[in-house]
Amino acid sequence: MSRIGKEPVEVPSGVDVKVDGLLVTAKGKLGEESYQLTDDVTVTHEEGKLTVAPARGGKRASSMWGTTRSQLQNLVTGVSEGFTYNLEIQGVGYRAAVQGSTLNLQLGFSHDINYPIPDGISVSVDRNVAIEVKGANKAVIGQFCSEVRAFRPPEPYKGKGVRYRDEYVMRKEGKKK
């Protein structure tokens, strides 16, 4: 029995959800998103709630039950409230800027990194070191932030690099004589 899967997904007012076979579509103030279901689970929409249940017994159906419920919760939350990730850049001379639909990063390399911003998300830079990423699709935002962080992950000696705002970097002691 899935503890996550048995909880229904509350659909807030202002969000229109349609279940059409194996496709769930949600439309809200921040856009329209859809999720393709597997045939291992069934989704019913009634009285402002989405209920997920396994279609049959088995390990795959049990594992997809909770996963599908979480994906549907992210779908509904994304079109109603949206998601926000915050990145910080630390290091002398490290900075970022948004130029049209690209994110320009200067991270101590011999060249600037011009990284394209995917459709459906918005990026803003404050004080040249604080990057805020907003959008309706949590997976796209998370993937974008992890790829930006991968250009220069925080190093353990001085803490320089790109990190999530609430990330703790374990620091190491330097060389001793």
C-alpha atoms as a PDB file:
ATOM      1  CA  MET A   1       0.000   0.000   0.000  1.00  0.00           C
ATOM      2  CA  SER A   2       1.532   3.272  -1.087  1.00  0.00           C
ATOM      3  CA  ARG A   3       1.385   5.976   1.560  1.00  0.00           C
ATOM      4  CA  ILE A   4       1.868   8.696  -1.043  1.00  0.00           C
ATOM      5  CA  GLY A   5      -0.337   7.124  -3.703  1.00  0.00           C
ATOM      6  CA  LYS A   6      -3.445   6.706  -1.570  1.00  0.00           C
ATOM      7  CA  GLU A   7      -3.696  10.457  -0.847  1.00  0.00           C
ATOM      8  CA  PRO A   8      -5.845  12.286  -3.420  1.00  0.00           C
ATOM      9  CA  VAL A   9      -4.498  15.303  -5.302  1.00  0.00           C
ATOM     10  CA  GLU A  10      -6.504  18.426  -4.481  1.00  0.00           C
ATOM     11  CA  VAL A  11      -7.327  20.482  -7.590  1.00  0.00           C
ATOM     12  CA  PRO A  12      -7.504  24.180  -6.607  1.00  0.00           C
ATOM     13  CA  SER A  13     -10.054  26.549  -8.076  1.00  0.00           C
ATOM     14  CA  GLY A  14      -8.882  28.106 -11.315  1.00  0.00           C
ATOM     15  CA  VAL A  15      -7.269  24.871 -12.532  1.00  0.00           C
ATOM     16  CA  ASP A  16      -9.043  22.795 -15.180  1.00  0.00           C
ATOM     17  CA  VAL A  17      -8.010  19.112 -15.241  1.00  0.00           C
ATOM     18  CA  LYS A  18      -9.014  16.656 -17.976  1.00  0.00           C
ATOM     19  CA  VAL A  19      -8.344  12.916 -17.894  1.00  0.00           C
ATOM     20  CA  ASP A  20      -8.479  11.503 -21.420  1.00  0.00           C
ATOM     21  CA  GLY A  21      -7.425   7.858 -21.422  1.00  0.00           C
ATOM     22  CA  LEU A  22      -3.735   7.838 -20.518  1.00  0.00           C
ATOM     23  CA  LEU A  23      -3.255  11.609 -20.869  1.00  0.00           C
ATOM     24  CA  VAL A  24      -3.884  14.021 -18.001  1.00  0.00           C
ATOM     25  CA  THR A  25      -3.969  17.705 -18.968  1.00  0.00           C
ATOM     26  CA  ALA A  26      -4.076  20.611 -16.515  1.00  0.00           C
ATOM     27  CA  LYS A  27      -4.701  24.212 -17.495  1.00  0.00           C
ATOM     28  CA  GLY A  28      -4.217  27.105 -15.086  1.00  0.00           C
ATOM     29  CA  LYS A  29      -3.102  30.699 -14.886  1.00  0.00           C
ATOM     30  CA  LEU A  30       0.539  29.785 -15.623  1.00  0.00           C
ATOM     31  CA  GLY A  31      -0.154  27.733 -18.746  1.00  0.00           C
ATOM     32  CA  GLU A  32      -1.031  24.232 -19.775  1.00  0.00           C
ATOM     33  CA  GLU A  33       0.891  21.066 -18.932  1.00  0.00           C
ATOM     34  CA  SER A  34       0.178  17.408 -19.597  1.00  0.00           C
ATOM     35  CA  TYR A  35       1.380  14.076 -18.229  1.00  0.00           C
ATOM     36  CA  GLN A  36       1.333  10.716 -20.024  1.00  0.00           C
ATOM     37  CA  LEU A  37       0.211   7.909 -17.704  1.00  0.00           C
ATOM     38  CA  THR A  38       1.344   4.300 -17.836  1.00  0.00           C
ATOM     39  CA  ASP A  39      -1.203   1.513 -18.111  1.00  0.00           C
ATOM     40  CA  ASP A  40      -0.250   0.300 -14.617  1.00  0.00           C
ATOM     41  CA  VAL A  41      -2.359   2.953 -12.863  1.00  0.00           C
ATOM     42  CA  THR A  42      -5.808   4.461 -13.271  1.00  0.00           C
ATOM     43  CA  VAL A  43      -6.713   8.068 -12.521  1.00  0.00           C
ATOM     44  CA  THR A  44     -10.209   9.312 -11.723  1.00  0.00           C
ATOM     45  CA  HIS A  45     -11.270  12.949 -11.453  1.00  0.00           C
ATOM     46  CA  GLU A  46     -14.297  13.717  -9.299  1.00  0.00           C
ATOM     47  CA  GLU A  47     -15.319  16.466  -6.855  1.00  0.00           C
ATOM     48  CA  GLY A  48     -12.154  18.514  -7.342  1.00  0.00           C
ATOM     49  CA  LYS A  49      -9.813  15.621  -6.542  1.00  0.00           C
ATOM     50  CA  LEU A  50      -7.593  13.334  -8.603  1.00  0.00           C
ATOM     51  CA  THR A  51      -7.408   9.795  -7.243  1.00  0.00           C
ATOM     52  CA  VAL A  52      -4.713   7.375  -8.371  1.00  0.00           C
ATOM     53  CA  ALA A  53      -5.076   3.602  -7.985  1.00  0.00           C
ATOM     54  CA  PRO A  54      -3.064   0.647  -9.279  1.00  0.00           C
ATOM     55  CA  ALA A  55      -4.731  -1.002 -12.279  1.00  0.00           C
ATOM     56  CA  ARG A  56      -3.548  -4.456 -11.271  1.00  0.00           C
ATOM     57  CA  GLY A  57      -1.299  -6.135  -8.734  1.00  0.00           C
ATOM     58  CA  GLY A  58       2.436  -6.379  -9.109  1.00  0.00           C
ATOM     59  CA  LYS A  59       5.653  -4.604  -8.268  1.00  0.00           C
ATOM     60  CA  ARG A  60       5.593  -2.170 -11.194  1.00  0.00           C
ATOM     61  CA  ALA A  61       2.018  -1.092 -10.487  1.00  0.00           C
ATOM     62  CA  SER A  62       2.871  -0.499  -6.825  1.00  0.00           C
ATOM     63  CA  SER A  63       5.919   1.589  -7.666  1.00  0.00           C
ATOM     64  CA  MET A  64       4.129   3.616 -10.342  1.00  0.00           C
ATOM     65  CA  TRP A  65       1.232   4.361  -7.982  1.00  0.00           C
ATOM     66  CA  GLY A  66       3.146   6.795  -5.764  1.00  0.00           C
ATOM     67  CA  THR A  67       5.223   8.117  -8.646  1.00  0.00           C
ATOM     68  CA  THR A  68       2.159   8.986 -10.695  1.00  0.00           C
ATOM     69  CA  ARG A  69       0.506  10.698  -7.743  1.00  0.00           C
ATOM     70  CA  SER A  70       3.614  12.857  -7.181  1.00  0.00           C
ATOM     71  CA  GLN A  71       3.790  13.737 -10.881  1.00  0.00           C
ATOM     72  CA  LEU A  72       0.131  14.768 -10.887  1.00  0.00           C
ATOM     73  CA  GLN A  73       0.655  16.888  -7.762  1.00  0.00           C
ATOM     74  CA  ASN A  74       3.569  18.645  -9.509  1.00  0.00           C
ATOM     75  CA  LEU A  75       1.402  19.112 -12.603  1.00  0.00           C
ATOM     76  CA  VAL A  76      -1.413  20.795 -10.661  1.00  0.00           C
ATOM     77  CA  THR A  77       0.932  22.885  -8.510  1.00  0.00           C
ATOM     78  CA  GLY A  78       2.928  23.970 -11.559  1.00  0.00           C
ATOM     79  CA  VAL A  79       0.002  25.421 -13.486  1.00  0.00           C
ATOM     80  CA  SER A  80      -1.525  27.080 -10.416  1.00  0.00           C
ATOM     81  CA  GLU A  81       1.455  28.415  -8.402  1.00  0.00           C
ATOM     82  CA  GLY A  82       4.579  27.525 -10.362  1.00  0.00           C
ATOM     83  CA  PHE A  83       7.980  26.470  -9.090  1.00  0.00           C
ATOM     84  CA  THR A  84      11.018  28.582  -8.228  1.00  0.00           C
ATOM     85  CA  TYR A  85      14.641  27.509  -7.905  1.00  0.00           C
ATOM     86  CA  ASN A  86      17.350  29.878  -6.706  1.00  0.00           C
ATOM     87  CA  LEU A  87      21.041  29.594  -7.586  1.00  0.00           C
ATOM     88  CA  GLU A  88      23.945  31.607  -6.209  1.00  0.00           C
ATOM     89  CA  ILE A  89      27.345  32.237  -7.733  1.00  0.00           C
ATOM     90  CA  GLN A  90      30.289  32.671  -5.389  1.00  0.00           C
ATOM     91  CA  GLY A  91      33.783  33.637  -6.486  1.00  0.00           C
ATOM     92  CA  VAL A  92      35.756  36.695  -7.460  1.00  0.00           C
ATOM     93  CA  GLY A  93      34.874  37.694 -11.026  1.00  0.00           C
ATOM     94  CA  TYR A  94      32.098  35.126 -11.350  1.00  0.00           C
ATOM     95  CA  ARG A  95      28.845  36.602 -12.657  1.00  0.00           C
ATOM     96  CA  ALA A  96      25.757  35.954 -14.715  1.00  0.00           C
ATOM     97  CA  ALA A  97      23.499  37.958 -17.019  1.00  0.00           C
ATOM     98  CA  VAL A  98      20.423  37.271 -19.110  1.00  0.00           C
ATOM     99  CA  GLN A  99      20.723  38.336 -22.755  1.00  0.00           C
ATOM    100  CA  GLY A 100      17.488  37.651 -24.608  1.00  0.00           C
ATOM    101  CA  SER A 101      16.865  33.909 -24.397  1.00  0.00           C
ATOM    102  CA  THR A 102      20.376  32.952 -23.256  1.00  0.00           C
ATOM    103  CA  LEU A 103      22.041  32.938 -19.864  1.00  0.00           C
ATOM    104  CA  ASN A 104      25.563  34.354 -20.042  1.00  0.00           C
ATOM    105  CA  LEU A 105      27.857  32.931 -17.342  1.00  0.00           C
ATOM    106  CA  GLN A 106      31.376  34.072 -16.515  1.00  0.00           C
ATOM    107  CA  LEU A 107      32.780  31.380 -14.244  1.00  0.00           C
ATOM    108  CA  GLY A 108      36.551  31.813 -14.417  1.00  0.00           C
ATOM    109  CA  PHE A 109      37.076  30.038 -17.719  1.00  0.00           C
ATOM    110  CA  SER A 110      38.867  31.615 -20.678  1.00  0.00           C
ATOM    111  CA  HIS A 111      35.493  32.068 -22.371  1.00  0.00           C
ATOM    112  CA  ASP A 112      31.930  33.025 -21.438  1.00  0.00           C
ATOM    113  CA  ILE A 113      29.297  30.307 -21.329  1.00  0.00           C
ATOM    114  CA  ASN A 114      26.162  31.186 -23.306  1.00  0.00           C
ATOM    115  CA  TYR A 115      23.516  28.707 -22.197  1.00  0.00           C
ATOM    116  CA  PRO A 116      20.098  28.750 -23.951  1.00  0.00           C
ATOM    117  CA  ILE A 117      17.033  29.125 -21.741  1.00  0.00           C
ATOM    118  CA  PRO A 118      14.346  26.519 -22.585  1.00  0.00           C
ATOM    119  CA  ASP A 119      10.821  27.569 -23.502  1.00  0.00           C
ATOM    120  CA  GLY A 120       8.366  27.728 -20.627  1.00  0.00           C
ATOM    121  CA  ILE A 121      10.748  29.002 -17.957  1.00  0.00           C
ATOM    122  CA  SER A 122      11.891  32.495 -17.039  1.00  0.00           C
ATOM    123  CA  VAL A 123      15.297  33.380 -15.636  1.00  0.00           C
ATOM    124  CA  SER A 124      16.183  36.580 -13.819  1.00  0.00           C
ATOM    125  CA  VAL A 125      19.538  37.644 -12.403  1.00  0.00           C
ATOM    126  CA  ASP A 126      19.877  39.927  -9.390  1.00  0.00           C
ATOM    127  CA  ARG A 127      23.174  41.563  -8.304  1.00  0.00           C
ATOM    128  CA  ASN A 128      25.006  39.546 -11.020  1.00  0.00           C
ATOM    129  CA  VAL A 129      25.255  36.547  -8.670  1.00  0.00           C
ATOM    130  CA  ALA A 130      21.705  35.524  -7.729  1.00  0.00           C
ATOM    131  CA  ILE A 131      19.834  33.536 -10.389  1.00  0.00           C
ATOM    132  CA  GLU A 132      16.097  32.896 -10.021  1.00  0.00           C
ATOM    133  CA  VAL A 133      14.466  30.308 -12.278  1.00  0.00           C
ATOM    134  CA  LYS A 134      10.641  30.154 -12.480  1.00  0.00           C
ATOM    135  CA  GLY A 135       8.234  28.009 -14.452  1.00  0.00           C
ATOM    136  CA  ALA A 136       5.373  25.547 -14.424  1.00  0.00           C
ATOM    137  CA  ASN A 137       7.271  22.311 -15.177  1.00  0.00           C
ATOM    138  CA  LYS A 138       9.344  21.177 -12.196  1.00  0.00           C
ATOM    139  CA  ALA A 139      11.364  18.653 -14.210  1.00  0.00           C
ATOM    140  CA  VAL A 140      12.467  21.214 -16.820  1.00  0.00           C
ATOM    141  CA  ILE A 141      13.433  23.762 -14.158  1.00  0.00           C
ATOM    142  CA  GLY A 142      15.352  21.198 -12.123  1.00  0.00           C
ATOM    143  CA  GLN A 143      17.212  19.925 -15.180  1.00  0.00           C
ATOM    144  CA  PHE A 144      18.131  23.480 -16.246  1.00  0.00           C
ATOM    145  CA  CYS A 145      19.433  24.354 -12.764  1.00  0.00           C
ATOM    146  CA  SER A 146      21.462  21.150 -12.464  1.00  0.00           C
ATOM    147  CA  GLU A 147      23.078  21.774 -15.869  1.00  0.00           C
ATOM    148  CA  VAL A 148      23.971  25.360 -14.917  1.00  0.00           C
ATOM    149  CA  ARG A 149      25.407  24.131 -11.607  1.00  0.00           C
ATOM    150  CA  ALA A 150      27.442  21.470 -13.423  1.00  0.00           C
ATOM    151  CA  PHE A 151      29.458  24.135 -15.288  1.00  0.00           C
ATOM    152  CA  ARG A 152      31.252  25.038 -12.029  1.00  0.00           C
ATOM    153  CA  PRO A 153      30.065  23.063  -8.981  1.00  0.00           C
ATOM    154  CA  PRO A 154      31.129  24.472  -5.592  1.00  0.00           C
ATOM    155  CA  GLU A 155      34.595  23.355  -4.593  1.00  0.00           C
ATOM    156  CA  PRO A 156      35.305  22.332  -0.984  1.00  0.00           C
ATOM    157  CA  TYR A 157      38.283  24.602  -0.169  1.00  0.00           C
ATOM    158  CA  LYS A 158      37.070  28.140  -0.890  1.00  0.00           C
ATOM    159  CA  GLY A 159      33.451  27.373  -1.779  1.00  0.00           C
ATOM    160  CA  LYS A 160      33.693  28.993  -5.204  1.00  0.00           C
ATOM    161  CA  GLY A 161      31.206  27.985  -7.866  1.00  0.00           C
ATOM    162  CA  VAL A 162      27.492  27.759  -8.603  1.00  0.00           C
ATOM    163  CA  ARG A 163      25.263  26.384  -5.856  1.00  0.00           C
ATOM    164  CA  TYR A 164      21.637  26.233  -4.856  1.00  0.00           C
ATOM    165  CA  ARG A 165      20.709  28.991  -2.400  1.00  0.00           C
ATOM    166  CA  ASP A 166      19.998  26.601   0.481  1.00  0.00           C
ATOM    167  CA  GLU A 167      22.817  24.155  -0.347  1.00  0.00           C
ATOM    168  CA  TYR A 168      25.431  23.493   2.329  1.00  0.00           C
ATOM    169  CA  VAL A 169      28.955  22.948   1.014  1.00  0.00           C
ATOM    170  CA  MET A 170      31.188  20.906   3.290  1.00  0.00           C
ATOM    171  CA  ARG A 171      34.443  22.805   3.606  1.00  0.00           C
ATOM    172  CA  LYS A 172      37.879  21.224   3.885  1.00  0.00           C
ATOM    173  CA  GLU A 173      40.911  22.568   5.638  1.00  0.00           C
ATOM    174  CA  GLY A 174      43.762  23.693   3.378  1.00  0.00           C
ATOM    175  CA  LYS A 175      47.406  22.572   3.370  1.00  0.00           C
ATOM    176  CA  LYS A 176      49.486  22.805   6.505  1.00  0.00           C
ATOM    177  CA  LYS A 177      53.199  23.452   6.690  1.00  0.00           C
END
